[in-house]
N, C-alpha and C. Protein backbone atom coordinates (compact mmCIF):
# COMPACT_ATOMS: atom_id res chain seq x y z
N MET A 1 163.16 -137.53 -246.32
CA MET A 1 163.43 -136.23 -246.94
C MET A 1 164.38 -135.39 -246.09
N GLU A 2 164.16 -135.45 -244.78
CA GLU A 2 165.01 -134.67 -243.88
C GLU A 2 166.45 -135.17 -243.92
N GLU A 3 166.62 -136.47 -243.98
CA GLU A 3 167.97 -137.05 -244.05
C GLU A 3 168.65 -136.69 -245.37
N GLN A 4 167.88 -136.71 -246.45
CA GLN A 4 168.43 -136.35 -247.76
C GLN A 4 168.84 -134.89 -247.79
N ALA A 5 168.01 -134.02 -247.19
CA ALA A 5 168.34 -132.60 -247.13
C ALA A 5 169.60 -132.37 -246.31
N LYS A 6 169.76 -133.16 -245.25
CA LYS A 6 170.96 -133.04 -244.42
C LYS A 6 172.20 -133.45 -245.19
N LYS A 7 172.11 -134.53 -245.98
CA LYS A 7 173.24 -134.98 -246.79
C LYS A 7 173.60 -133.93 -247.85
N GLU A 8 172.57 -133.34 -248.46
CA GLU A 8 172.82 -132.29 -249.46
C GLU A 8 173.50 -131.08 -248.83
N ALA A 9 173.08 -130.75 -247.62
CA ALA A 9 173.70 -129.62 -246.92
C ALA A 9 175.16 -129.91 -246.60
N GLU A 10 175.44 -131.15 -246.16
CA GLU A 10 176.83 -131.53 -245.87
C GLU A 10 177.67 -131.53 -247.14
N LEU A 11 177.08 -132.03 -248.25
CA LEU A 11 177.80 -132.04 -249.53
C LEU A 11 178.08 -130.62 -249.99
N ASN A 12 177.10 -129.75 -249.83
CA ASN A 12 177.29 -128.35 -250.22
C ASN A 12 178.38 -127.69 -249.37
N SER A 13 178.40 -128.02 -248.10
CA SER A 13 179.42 -127.46 -247.20
C SER A 13 180.81 -127.95 -247.59
N GLU A 14 180.92 -129.22 -247.92
CA GLU A 14 182.21 -129.77 -248.35
C GLU A 14 182.67 -129.14 -249.66
N ASN A 15 181.72 -128.92 -250.57
CA ASN A 15 182.06 -128.29 -251.85
C ASN A 15 182.57 -126.87 -251.65
N LEU A 16 181.89 -126.14 -250.77
CA LEU A 16 182.31 -124.76 -250.50
C LEU A 16 183.69 -124.73 -249.85
N LYS A 17 183.94 -125.68 -248.96
CA LYS A 17 185.26 -125.76 -248.32
C LYS A 17 186.33 -126.10 -249.34
N PHE A 18 186.03 -127.06 -250.22
CA PHE A 18 186.98 -127.45 -251.27
C PHE A 18 187.26 -126.27 -252.20
N LEU A 19 186.21 -125.52 -252.55
CA LEU A 19 186.37 -124.36 -253.43
C LEU A 19 187.28 -123.32 -252.79
N TYR A 20 187.08 -123.07 -251.50
CA TYR A 20 187.90 -122.09 -250.80
C TYR A 20 189.36 -122.54 -250.76
N GLU A 21 189.59 -123.81 -250.45
CA GLU A 21 190.97 -124.32 -250.39
C GLU A 21 191.63 -124.29 -251.76
N TYR A 22 190.86 -124.60 -252.80
CA TYR A 22 191.40 -124.57 -254.17
C TYR A 22 191.80 -123.14 -254.55
N LEU A 23 190.91 -122.19 -254.27
CA LEU A 23 191.21 -120.79 -254.59
C LEU A 23 192.37 -120.26 -253.74
N SER A 24 192.51 -120.75 -252.54
CA SER A 24 193.64 -120.34 -251.69
C SER A 24 194.97 -120.78 -252.31
N LYS A 25 194.98 -122.01 -252.85
CA LYS A 25 196.20 -122.49 -253.51
C LYS A 25 196.49 -121.67 -254.78
N GLN A 26 195.46 -121.31 -255.51
CA GLN A 26 195.65 -120.47 -256.69
C GLN A 26 196.18 -119.09 -256.31
N TYR A 27 195.69 -118.60 -255.20
CA TYR A 27 196.14 -117.29 -254.70
C TYR A 27 197.63 -117.34 -254.35
N GLU A 28 198.06 -118.38 -253.66
CA GLU A 28 199.48 -118.53 -253.33
C GLU A 28 200.33 -118.68 -254.60
N HIS A 29 199.77 -119.36 -255.59
CA HIS A 29 200.50 -119.57 -256.85
C HIS A 29 200.76 -118.23 -257.56
N VAL A 30 199.73 -117.39 -257.68
CA VAL A 30 199.92 -116.12 -258.40
C VAL A 30 200.84 -115.19 -257.61
N LYS A 31 200.80 -115.27 -256.29
CA LYS A 31 201.72 -114.47 -255.49
C LYS A 31 203.17 -114.91 -255.72
N THR A 32 203.38 -116.23 -255.78
CA THR A 32 204.72 -116.76 -256.04
C THR A 32 205.21 -116.36 -257.42
N GLN A 33 204.33 -116.40 -258.42
CA GLN A 33 204.69 -116.00 -259.78
C GLN A 33 205.10 -114.53 -259.83
N THR A 34 204.40 -113.70 -259.07
CA THR A 34 204.74 -112.28 -259.03
C THR A 34 206.13 -112.06 -258.44
N VAL A 35 206.43 -112.79 -257.36
CA VAL A 35 207.76 -112.67 -256.74
C VAL A 35 208.85 -113.14 -257.70
N ARG A 36 208.60 -114.22 -258.45
CA ARG A 36 209.59 -114.73 -259.40
C ARG A 36 209.87 -113.74 -260.52
N LEU A 37 208.82 -113.11 -261.03
CA LEU A 37 209.01 -112.13 -262.10
C LEU A 37 209.79 -110.92 -261.59
N ASP A 38 209.50 -110.48 -260.38
CA ASP A 38 210.24 -109.36 -259.80
C ASP A 38 211.70 -109.72 -259.61
N ASP A 39 211.95 -110.95 -259.16
CA ASP A 39 213.34 -111.40 -258.95
C ASP A 39 214.09 -111.48 -260.28
N LYS A 40 213.42 -111.96 -261.31
CA LYS A 40 214.05 -112.04 -262.63
C LYS A 40 214.35 -110.65 -263.18
N ALA A 41 213.43 -109.73 -262.99
CA ALA A 41 213.65 -108.35 -263.45
C ALA A 41 214.82 -107.71 -262.71
N THR A 42 214.96 -108.01 -261.42
CA THR A 42 216.08 -107.48 -260.64
C THR A 42 217.42 -108.00 -261.16
N LYS A 43 217.46 -109.29 -261.53
CA LYS A 43 218.71 -109.87 -262.06
C LYS A 43 219.05 -109.24 -263.41
N TYR A 44 218.06 -109.05 -264.28
CA TYR A 44 218.30 -108.38 -265.55
C TYR A 44 218.83 -106.97 -265.33
N LEU A 45 218.25 -106.27 -264.36
CA LEU A 45 218.66 -104.89 -264.10
C LEU A 45 220.09 -104.83 -263.58
N THR A 46 220.49 -105.83 -262.78
CA THR A 46 221.87 -105.90 -262.30
C THR A 46 222.84 -106.10 -263.46
N PHE A 47 222.48 -107.00 -264.38
CA PHE A 47 223.31 -107.24 -265.56
C PHE A 47 223.45 -105.97 -266.40
N VAL A 48 222.34 -105.28 -266.61
CA VAL A 48 222.37 -104.06 -267.42
C VAL A 48 223.22 -102.98 -266.74
N THR A 49 223.18 -102.91 -265.42
CA THR A 49 223.98 -101.93 -264.69
C THR A 49 225.47 -102.20 -264.87
N ILE A 50 225.86 -103.47 -264.82
CA ILE A 50 227.27 -103.84 -265.04
C ILE A 50 227.71 -103.48 -266.45
N VAL A 51 226.85 -103.77 -267.43
CA VAL A 51 227.17 -103.45 -268.83
C VAL A 51 227.30 -101.94 -268.99
N MET A 52 226.43 -101.18 -268.35
CA MET A 52 226.49 -99.72 -268.45
C MET A 52 227.81 -99.18 -267.90
N ALA A 53 228.25 -99.73 -266.77
CA ALA A 53 229.52 -99.29 -266.19
C ALA A 53 230.69 -99.60 -267.12
N THR A 54 230.67 -100.78 -267.74
CA THR A 54 231.75 -101.17 -268.66
C THR A 54 231.75 -100.27 -269.89
N ILE A 55 230.59 -100.01 -270.44
CA ILE A 55 230.49 -99.14 -271.62
C ILE A 55 230.93 -97.72 -271.28
N GLY A 56 230.64 -97.29 -270.05
CA GLY A 56 231.07 -95.95 -269.63
C GLY A 56 232.59 -95.81 -269.65
N ILE A 57 233.28 -96.86 -269.22
CA ILE A 57 234.76 -96.83 -269.24
C ILE A 57 235.28 -96.77 -270.67
N ILE A 58 234.68 -97.58 -271.55
CA ILE A 58 235.11 -97.58 -272.96
C ILE A 58 234.80 -96.24 -273.61
N SER A 59 233.65 -95.66 -273.28
CA SER A 59 233.25 -94.38 -273.87
C SER A 59 234.21 -93.27 -273.47
N ARG A 60 234.72 -93.32 -272.25
CA ARG A 60 235.67 -92.30 -271.82
C ARG A 60 236.91 -92.29 -272.71
N TYR A 61 237.35 -93.47 -273.10
CA TYR A 61 238.53 -93.55 -273.97
C TYR A 61 238.22 -92.97 -275.35
N TYR A 62 237.07 -93.36 -275.93
CA TYR A 62 236.77 -92.95 -277.30
C TYR A 62 236.31 -91.50 -277.41
N PHE A 63 235.75 -90.95 -276.36
CA PHE A 63 235.24 -89.59 -276.44
C PHE A 63 236.19 -88.54 -275.87
N PHE A 64 237.14 -88.96 -275.02
CA PHE A 64 237.98 -87.96 -274.35
C PHE A 64 239.48 -88.18 -274.51
N GLU A 65 239.91 -89.37 -274.92
CA GLU A 65 241.34 -89.66 -274.96
C GLU A 65 241.88 -89.87 -276.37
N ILE A 66 241.06 -89.85 -277.38
CA ILE A 66 241.53 -90.00 -278.76
C ILE A 66 241.59 -88.62 -279.41
N SER A 67 242.74 -88.31 -279.98
CA SER A 67 242.92 -86.99 -280.61
C SER A 67 242.42 -86.95 -282.04
N SER A 68 242.52 -88.07 -282.75
CA SER A 68 242.06 -88.12 -284.15
C SER A 68 241.29 -89.41 -284.38
N TYR A 69 240.28 -89.31 -285.26
CA TYR A 69 239.43 -90.45 -285.55
C TYR A 69 239.56 -90.86 -287.01
N SER A 70 239.54 -92.16 -287.22
CA SER A 70 239.51 -92.69 -288.58
C SER A 70 238.13 -93.27 -288.85
N PHE A 71 237.92 -93.79 -290.05
CA PHE A 71 236.62 -94.37 -290.37
C PHE A 71 236.33 -95.57 -289.47
N ILE A 72 237.37 -96.37 -289.20
CA ILE A 72 237.18 -97.55 -288.35
C ILE A 72 236.91 -97.14 -286.92
N SER A 73 237.48 -96.00 -286.50
CA SER A 73 237.26 -95.54 -285.14
C SER A 73 235.81 -95.14 -284.89
N THR A 74 235.10 -94.77 -285.95
CA THR A 74 233.70 -94.37 -285.77
C THR A 74 232.78 -95.56 -285.51
N LEU A 75 233.20 -96.76 -285.92
CA LEU A 75 232.36 -97.94 -285.70
C LEU A 75 232.13 -98.23 -284.21
N PRO A 76 233.19 -98.26 -283.39
CA PRO A 76 232.94 -98.45 -281.95
C PRO A 76 232.04 -97.36 -281.35
N ILE A 77 232.20 -96.12 -281.85
CA ILE A 77 231.39 -95.02 -281.32
C ILE A 77 229.92 -95.25 -281.66
N ILE A 78 229.66 -95.72 -282.87
CA ILE A 78 228.27 -96.01 -283.27
C ILE A 78 227.68 -97.11 -282.41
N PHE A 79 228.46 -98.18 -282.20
CA PHE A 79 227.98 -99.28 -281.37
C PHE A 79 227.79 -98.86 -279.91
N LEU A 80 228.65 -97.95 -279.44
CA LEU A 80 228.50 -97.44 -278.07
C LEU A 80 227.19 -96.67 -277.92
N CYS A 81 226.88 -95.83 -278.91
CA CYS A 81 225.64 -95.05 -278.86
C CYS A 81 224.41 -95.96 -278.90
N ILE A 82 224.46 -96.98 -279.76
CA ILE A 82 223.34 -97.94 -279.83
C ILE A 82 223.20 -98.68 -278.50
N SER A 83 224.32 -99.04 -277.90
CA SER A 83 224.29 -99.75 -276.62
C SER A 83 223.65 -98.90 -275.53
N PHE A 84 224.01 -97.61 -275.49
CA PHE A 84 223.43 -96.71 -274.50
C PHE A 84 221.92 -96.61 -274.69
N PHE A 85 221.48 -96.50 -275.94
CA PHE A 85 220.05 -96.41 -276.22
C PHE A 85 219.32 -97.67 -275.76
N LEU A 86 219.91 -98.83 -276.06
CA LEU A 86 219.29 -100.10 -275.67
C LEU A 86 219.25 -100.25 -274.15
N ILE A 87 220.30 -99.81 -273.48
CA ILE A 87 220.33 -99.91 -272.02
C ILE A 87 219.22 -99.07 -271.39
N LEU A 88 219.04 -97.86 -271.91
CA LEU A 88 217.95 -97.01 -271.41
C LEU A 88 216.60 -97.64 -271.69
N HIS A 89 216.46 -98.23 -272.87
CA HIS A 89 215.21 -98.88 -273.27
C HIS A 89 214.91 -100.07 -272.34
N ILE A 90 215.93 -100.89 -272.09
CA ILE A 90 215.76 -102.07 -271.23
C ILE A 90 215.46 -101.65 -269.79
N SER A 91 216.21 -100.66 -269.31
CA SER A 91 216.03 -100.22 -267.92
C SER A 91 214.62 -99.69 -267.70
N ARG A 92 214.06 -99.01 -268.68
CA ARG A 92 212.71 -98.48 -268.56
C ARG A 92 211.70 -99.60 -268.34
N TYR A 93 211.78 -100.64 -269.16
CA TYR A 93 210.83 -101.75 -269.04
C TYR A 93 211.04 -102.52 -267.73
N LEU A 94 212.29 -102.70 -267.32
CA LEU A 94 212.56 -103.43 -266.08
C LEU A 94 212.03 -102.67 -264.86
N LEU A 95 212.18 -101.36 -264.88
CA LEU A 95 211.66 -100.56 -263.77
C LEU A 95 210.13 -100.59 -263.74
N LEU A 96 209.51 -100.67 -264.92
CA LEU A 96 208.05 -100.80 -264.96
C LEU A 96 207.60 -102.15 -264.41
N VAL A 97 208.42 -103.19 -264.65
CA VAL A 97 208.09 -104.51 -264.09
C VAL A 97 208.15 -104.46 -262.56
N LEU A 98 209.16 -103.76 -262.03
CA LEU A 98 209.34 -103.68 -260.59
C LEU A 98 208.43 -102.66 -259.92
N LYS A 99 207.69 -101.92 -260.72
CA LYS A 99 206.78 -100.93 -260.15
C LYS A 99 205.69 -101.61 -259.32
N VAL A 100 205.41 -101.02 -258.18
CA VAL A 100 204.39 -101.59 -257.30
C VAL A 100 203.01 -101.35 -257.91
N THR A 101 202.25 -102.41 -258.10
CA THR A 101 200.92 -102.31 -258.69
C THR A 101 199.86 -102.58 -257.63
N ASP A 102 198.73 -101.94 -257.79
CA ASP A 102 197.62 -102.13 -256.86
C ASP A 102 196.85 -103.40 -257.20
N VAL A 103 196.71 -104.27 -256.23
CA VAL A 103 195.92 -105.50 -256.40
C VAL A 103 194.92 -105.58 -255.25
N ASN A 104 193.86 -106.33 -255.49
CA ASN A 104 192.86 -106.50 -254.45
C ASN A 104 193.41 -107.38 -253.32
N LYS A 105 192.85 -107.21 -252.15
CA LYS A 105 193.28 -108.00 -250.99
C LYS A 105 192.10 -108.18 -250.04
N PHE A 106 192.29 -109.09 -249.09
CA PHE A 106 191.24 -109.33 -248.10
C PHE A 106 191.06 -108.10 -247.22
N SER A 107 189.85 -107.88 -246.82
CA SER A 107 189.56 -106.79 -245.90
C SER A 107 189.99 -107.18 -244.49
N ALA A 108 190.58 -106.25 -243.79
CA ALA A 108 191.02 -106.51 -242.41
C ALA A 108 190.33 -105.56 -241.44
N THR A 109 189.16 -105.08 -241.80
CA THR A 109 188.43 -104.14 -240.96
C THR A 109 187.58 -104.87 -239.92
N SER A 110 187.01 -104.10 -239.06
CA SER A 110 186.13 -104.68 -238.03
C SER A 110 184.87 -105.27 -238.66
N GLN A 111 184.49 -104.76 -239.83
CA GLN A 111 183.31 -105.31 -240.51
C GLN A 111 183.54 -106.77 -240.92
N MET A 112 184.77 -107.07 -241.34
CA MET A 112 185.09 -108.45 -241.69
C MET A 112 185.03 -109.34 -240.45
N ASN A 113 185.52 -108.85 -239.35
CA ASN A 113 185.45 -109.62 -238.09
C ASN A 113 183.99 -109.90 -237.72
N SER A 114 183.18 -108.89 -237.86
CA SER A 114 181.77 -109.06 -237.54
C SER A 114 181.09 -110.02 -238.51
N TYR A 115 181.47 -109.95 -239.77
CA TYR A 115 180.90 -110.85 -240.78
C TYR A 115 181.20 -112.31 -240.46
N ILE A 116 182.44 -112.58 -240.04
CA ILE A 116 182.83 -113.95 -239.73
C ILE A 116 182.13 -114.45 -238.46
N LYS A 117 181.94 -113.57 -237.51
CA LYS A 117 181.34 -113.99 -236.24
C LYS A 117 179.83 -114.23 -236.35
N THR A 118 179.18 -113.50 -237.23
CA THR A 118 177.71 -113.54 -237.27
C THR A 118 177.15 -114.45 -238.36
N ASN A 119 178.00 -115.12 -239.15
CA ASN A 119 177.51 -115.99 -240.21
C ASN A 119 178.01 -117.41 -239.99
N ASN A 120 177.26 -118.37 -240.56
CA ASN A 120 177.70 -119.76 -240.45
C ASN A 120 178.84 -120.03 -241.42
N ILE A 121 179.46 -121.16 -241.25
CA ILE A 121 180.69 -121.46 -241.98
C ILE A 121 180.47 -121.53 -243.49
N ASP A 122 179.31 -121.99 -243.92
CA ASP A 122 179.06 -122.08 -245.37
C ASP A 122 179.02 -120.70 -246.00
N VAL A 123 178.35 -119.79 -245.34
CA VAL A 123 178.27 -118.42 -245.86
C VAL A 123 179.65 -117.77 -245.88
N ILE A 124 180.44 -118.05 -244.86
CA ILE A 124 181.80 -117.48 -244.79
C ILE A 124 182.66 -118.03 -245.91
N TYR A 125 182.61 -119.36 -246.11
CA TYR A 125 183.38 -119.96 -247.20
C TYR A 125 182.99 -119.37 -248.55
N GLU A 126 181.70 -119.20 -248.75
CA GLU A 126 181.22 -118.67 -250.02
C GLU A 126 181.67 -117.23 -250.23
N GLY A 127 181.56 -116.43 -249.19
CA GLY A 127 181.98 -115.03 -249.30
C GLY A 127 183.47 -114.89 -249.52
N LEU A 128 184.26 -115.66 -248.76
CA LEU A 128 185.72 -115.59 -248.92
C LEU A 128 186.15 -116.13 -250.29
N SER A 129 185.46 -117.10 -250.81
CA SER A 129 185.77 -117.62 -252.14
C SER A 129 185.53 -116.57 -253.21
N ASP A 130 184.45 -115.82 -253.07
CA ASP A 130 184.18 -114.73 -254.01
C ASP A 130 185.28 -113.68 -253.94
N ASP A 131 185.71 -113.34 -252.72
CA ASP A 131 186.80 -112.37 -252.56
C ASP A 131 188.10 -112.89 -253.17
N LEU A 132 188.38 -114.17 -252.95
CA LEU A 132 189.59 -114.77 -253.51
C LEU A 132 189.58 -114.73 -255.04
N SER A 133 188.44 -114.98 -255.64
CA SER A 133 188.35 -114.94 -257.10
C SER A 133 188.69 -113.56 -257.62
N THR A 134 188.18 -112.53 -256.94
CA THR A 134 188.47 -111.15 -257.34
C THR A 134 189.95 -110.83 -257.17
N ILE A 135 190.52 -111.28 -256.05
CA ILE A 135 191.94 -111.02 -255.79
C ILE A 135 192.82 -111.71 -256.82
N ILE A 136 192.50 -112.96 -257.14
CA ILE A 136 193.29 -113.72 -258.13
C ILE A 136 193.22 -113.05 -259.50
N GLU A 137 192.06 -112.57 -259.87
CA GLU A 137 191.92 -111.88 -261.16
C GLU A 137 192.81 -110.63 -261.22
N SER A 138 192.87 -109.87 -260.14
CA SER A 138 193.71 -108.68 -260.12
C SER A 138 195.19 -109.04 -260.21
N TYR A 139 195.59 -110.13 -259.55
CA TYR A 139 196.98 -110.59 -259.64
C TYR A 139 197.30 -111.07 -261.06
N GLU A 140 196.37 -111.75 -261.69
CA GLU A 140 196.61 -112.25 -263.05
C GLU A 140 196.74 -111.10 -264.04
N ARG A 141 195.97 -110.04 -263.87
CA ARG A 141 196.13 -108.87 -264.74
C ARG A 141 197.51 -108.24 -264.54
N SER A 142 197.93 -108.15 -263.28
CA SER A 142 199.26 -107.61 -262.99
C SER A 142 200.36 -108.49 -263.57
N LEU A 143 200.20 -109.82 -263.45
CA LEU A 143 201.19 -110.74 -264.00
C LEU A 143 201.29 -110.64 -265.52
N ALA A 144 200.15 -110.53 -266.19
CA ALA A 144 200.15 -110.42 -267.65
C ALA A 144 200.89 -109.15 -268.08
N ASN A 145 200.68 -108.07 -267.35
CA ASN A 145 201.36 -106.81 -267.67
C ASN A 145 202.86 -106.92 -267.43
N LYS A 146 203.24 -107.56 -266.32
CA LYS A 146 204.66 -107.74 -266.01
C LYS A 146 205.34 -108.63 -267.06
N LYS A 147 204.68 -109.72 -267.44
CA LYS A 147 205.26 -110.64 -268.43
C LYS A 147 205.49 -109.95 -269.76
N LYS A 148 204.53 -109.12 -270.17
CA LYS A 148 204.65 -108.43 -271.45
C LYS A 148 205.87 -107.51 -271.45
N LYS A 149 206.05 -106.76 -270.38
CA LYS A 149 207.19 -105.84 -270.30
C LYS A 149 208.51 -106.60 -270.15
N LEU A 150 208.48 -107.71 -269.41
CA LEU A 150 209.70 -108.49 -269.24
C LEU A 150 210.13 -109.14 -270.55
N GLU A 151 209.18 -109.58 -271.35
CA GLU A 151 209.49 -110.16 -272.67
C GLU A 151 210.12 -109.10 -273.58
N LYS A 152 209.60 -107.88 -273.54
CA LYS A 152 210.17 -106.80 -274.36
C LYS A 152 211.60 -106.49 -273.92
N SER A 153 211.82 -106.46 -272.61
CA SER A 153 213.18 -106.19 -272.11
C SER A 153 214.12 -107.34 -272.46
N TYR A 154 213.62 -108.58 -272.47
CA TYR A 154 214.46 -109.73 -272.83
C TYR A 154 214.88 -109.66 -274.30
N ARG A 155 213.92 -109.31 -275.17
CA ARG A 155 214.27 -109.18 -276.60
C ARG A 155 215.31 -108.08 -276.81
N ALA A 156 215.12 -106.96 -276.11
CA ALA A 156 216.09 -105.87 -276.23
C ALA A 156 217.45 -106.28 -275.66
N THR A 157 217.46 -107.10 -274.59
CA THR A 157 218.72 -107.57 -274.02
C THR A 157 219.44 -108.50 -274.99
N SER A 158 218.69 -109.31 -275.74
CA SER A 158 219.31 -110.18 -276.75
C SER A 158 219.98 -109.34 -277.84
N ILE A 159 219.30 -108.29 -278.27
CA ILE A 159 219.90 -107.39 -279.28
C ILE A 159 221.14 -106.71 -278.71
N LEU A 160 221.07 -106.31 -277.43
CA LEU A 160 222.22 -105.69 -276.78
C LEU A 160 223.42 -106.63 -276.77
N GLY A 161 223.18 -107.92 -276.55
CA GLY A 161 224.27 -108.89 -276.56
C GLY A 161 224.97 -108.93 -277.91
N VAL A 162 224.21 -108.90 -278.99
CA VAL A 162 224.79 -108.90 -280.34
C VAL A 162 225.60 -107.62 -280.56
N ILE A 163 225.05 -106.49 -280.14
CA ILE A 163 225.74 -105.21 -280.30
C ILE A 163 227.05 -105.20 -279.52
N LEU A 164 227.05 -105.78 -278.33
CA LEU A 164 228.28 -105.82 -277.53
C LEU A 164 229.36 -106.67 -278.20
N ILE A 165 228.96 -107.76 -278.85
CA ILE A 165 229.93 -108.59 -279.58
C ILE A 165 230.53 -107.79 -280.74
N LEU A 166 229.66 -107.09 -281.49
CA LEU A 166 230.15 -106.25 -282.58
C LEU A 166 231.04 -105.13 -282.07
N LEU A 167 230.69 -104.58 -280.91
CA LEU A 167 231.52 -103.53 -280.31
C LEU A 167 232.90 -104.07 -279.97
N LEU A 168 232.96 -105.27 -279.41
CA LEU A 168 234.25 -105.86 -279.06
C LEU A 168 235.12 -106.07 -280.28
N PHE A 169 234.56 -106.62 -281.36
CA PHE A 169 235.34 -106.85 -282.58
C PHE A 169 235.78 -105.54 -283.20
N SER A 170 234.91 -104.53 -283.20
CA SER A 170 235.27 -103.24 -283.80
C SER A 170 236.40 -102.57 -283.02
N ILE A 171 236.39 -102.73 -281.68
CA ILE A 171 237.47 -102.16 -280.87
C ILE A 171 238.79 -102.86 -281.17
N ILE A 172 238.75 -104.19 -281.29
CA ILE A 172 239.98 -104.94 -281.60
C ILE A 172 240.53 -104.52 -282.95
N ILE A 173 239.67 -104.40 -283.95
CA ILE A 173 240.11 -103.99 -285.29
C ILE A 173 240.66 -102.57 -285.26
N ASP A 174 239.98 -101.68 -284.53
CA ASP A 174 240.41 -100.28 -284.46
C ASP A 174 241.78 -100.16 -283.81
N LEU A 175 241.98 -100.85 -282.70
CA LEU A 175 243.27 -100.76 -282.00
C LEU A 175 244.40 -101.39 -282.81
N SER A 176 244.09 -102.45 -283.53
CA SER A 176 245.14 -103.10 -284.33
C SER A 176 245.52 -102.25 -285.54
N THR A 177 244.58 -101.56 -286.15
CA THR A 177 244.89 -100.73 -287.32
C THR A 177 245.61 -99.44 -286.91
N ARG A 178 245.36 -98.94 -285.73
CA ARG A 178 246.03 -97.72 -285.28
C ARG A 178 247.34 -98.02 -284.59
N GLY A 179 247.63 -99.31 -284.38
CA GLY A 179 248.91 -99.70 -283.79
C GLY A 179 249.09 -99.18 -282.38
N VAL A 180 248.05 -99.25 -281.59
CA VAL A 180 248.15 -98.79 -280.21
C VAL A 180 248.97 -99.79 -279.41
N LYS A 181 250.03 -99.30 -278.79
CA LYS A 181 250.91 -100.16 -277.99
C LYS A 181 250.97 -99.62 -276.57
N PRO A 182 251.29 -100.46 -275.64
CA PRO A 182 251.43 -99.99 -274.25
C PRO A 182 252.57 -98.99 -274.14
N SER A 183 252.37 -97.96 -273.35
CA SER A 183 253.40 -96.93 -273.18
C SER A 183 254.63 -97.53 -272.52
N LYS A 184 255.84 -97.07 -272.96
CA LYS A 184 257.10 -97.61 -272.43
C LYS A 184 257.41 -96.97 -271.09
N SER A 185 258.03 -97.73 -270.25
CA SER A 185 258.43 -97.24 -268.94
C SER A 185 259.89 -96.79 -268.99
N ILE A 186 260.15 -95.53 -268.62
CA ILE A 186 261.50 -94.97 -268.65
C ILE A 186 261.96 -94.76 -267.21
N THR A 187 263.10 -95.35 -266.88
CA THR A 187 263.64 -95.25 -265.52
C THR A 187 265.00 -94.56 -265.57
N THR A 188 265.16 -93.51 -264.77
CA THR A 188 266.43 -92.78 -264.70
C THR A 188 267.05 -93.01 -263.33
N THR A 189 268.31 -93.47 -263.33
CA THR A 189 269.02 -93.76 -262.08
C THR A 189 270.22 -92.84 -261.97
N CYS A 190 270.33 -92.14 -260.86
CA CYS A 190 271.45 -91.22 -260.63
C CYS A 190 272.24 -91.66 -259.39
N ILE A 191 273.58 -91.64 -259.52
CA ILE A 191 274.47 -92.00 -258.42
C ILE A 191 275.32 -90.79 -258.07
N ILE A 192 275.26 -90.36 -256.81
CA ILE A 192 276.02 -89.19 -256.35
C ILE A 192 277.20 -89.69 -255.53
N ASP A 193 278.41 -89.31 -255.96
CA ASP A 193 279.64 -89.74 -255.29
C ASP A 193 280.09 -88.64 -254.33
N LEU A 194 280.01 -88.87 -253.03
CA LEU A 194 280.46 -87.91 -252.00
C LEU A 194 281.68 -88.41 -251.25
N SER A 195 282.37 -89.40 -251.80
CA SER A 195 283.47 -90.03 -251.07
C SER A 195 284.79 -89.27 -251.15
N LYS A 196 284.92 -88.34 -252.10
CA LYS A 196 286.20 -87.63 -252.29
C LYS A 196 286.31 -86.49 -251.29
N LYS A 197 287.20 -86.63 -250.29
CA LYS A 197 287.30 -85.63 -249.23
C LYS A 197 288.76 -85.25 -249.01
N ASN A 198 289.02 -83.95 -248.88
CA ASN A 198 290.37 -83.44 -248.64
C ASN A 198 290.62 -83.49 -247.13
N VAL A 199 291.42 -84.47 -246.69
CA VAL A 199 291.66 -84.67 -245.26
C VAL A 199 292.44 -83.53 -244.66
N GLU A 200 293.43 -82.96 -245.43
CA GLU A 200 294.32 -81.94 -244.91
C GLU A 200 293.56 -80.68 -244.56
N HIS A 201 292.70 -80.20 -245.47
CA HIS A 201 291.97 -78.95 -245.23
C HIS A 201 290.56 -79.21 -244.71
N ASN A 202 290.26 -80.48 -244.46
CA ASN A 202 288.95 -80.87 -243.92
C ASN A 202 287.81 -80.28 -244.76
N THR A 203 287.93 -80.42 -246.07
CA THR A 203 286.89 -79.93 -246.99
C THR A 203 286.46 -81.07 -247.90
N THR A 204 285.29 -80.89 -248.49
CA THR A 204 284.75 -81.91 -249.41
C THR A 204 284.68 -81.34 -250.80
N LYS A 205 285.15 -82.13 -251.77
CA LYS A 205 285.12 -81.68 -253.15
C LYS A 205 283.69 -81.73 -253.68
N ALA A 206 283.47 -81.13 -254.83
CA ALA A 206 282.14 -81.12 -255.44
C ALA A 206 281.69 -82.55 -255.71
N ALA A 207 280.45 -82.81 -255.44
CA ALA A 207 279.91 -84.16 -255.65
C ALA A 207 279.86 -84.49 -257.12
N THR A 208 280.11 -85.76 -257.38
CA THR A 208 280.06 -86.25 -258.77
C THR A 208 278.76 -87.03 -258.98
N THR A 209 278.00 -86.63 -259.98
CA THR A 209 276.72 -87.27 -260.24
C THR A 209 276.77 -88.01 -261.58
N THR A 210 276.35 -89.29 -261.54
CA THR A 210 276.30 -90.12 -262.75
C THR A 210 274.89 -90.65 -262.93
N CYS A 211 274.29 -90.36 -264.09
CA CYS A 211 272.91 -90.77 -264.34
C CYS A 211 272.86 -91.71 -265.54
N SER A 212 271.93 -92.68 -265.48
CA SER A 212 271.70 -93.60 -266.60
C SER A 212 270.20 -93.77 -266.78
N THR A 213 269.78 -93.88 -268.03
CA THR A 213 268.36 -94.00 -268.37
C THR A 213 268.10 -95.38 -268.96
N THR A 214 267.05 -96.05 -268.46
CA THR A 214 266.68 -97.39 -268.92
C THR A 214 265.26 -97.37 -269.44
N THR A 215 265.07 -97.88 -270.65
CA THR A 215 263.73 -97.93 -271.26
C THR A 215 263.26 -99.37 -271.33
N ARG A 216 262.01 -99.62 -270.85
CA ARG A 216 261.44 -100.97 -270.86
C ARG A 216 260.22 -101.03 -271.76
């Protein structure tokens, strides 16, 4: 009986050790998933920032440099407004993904040190496994929330891509119908002739100026 009880104790100790190692790997996995989602959200945010800068340049032309608008000219303006709305919508969700969330973690107090020193290894494995389960659950809740917001931002980014294509075509059609051409370069060249000099009276006659204009 004593030998059987010893074997059961060893088996229980091995099981507790295996459980702790298994939960440790799960803990590392959810931490890695969190870092990947944050990295993906950062890349989306960088893309949206570049698009915003490009749209800002186009908006300056349509809102400040056009003196008259036609029906076709209003199409790019509509697409620009929709793009701005989508960018704000996407940025909001991406910033929520990158928001720091509170998750459970191991205690690092002196009480934990005392707990480890005063208990046998089986009790420690069991206690740490319970803590790991709680920590993993908190990470999984955070991951589910991040994934939901990232999926919404991805769908909005897909719509933004379609709007940008429509914006590009509308700008091409608008510029072609209004006949916008590059401004011509006008160059004026003037030659001043100071070579005519009266040697006898040591005086200089009025300078002769010849100018020519070239248009490119």
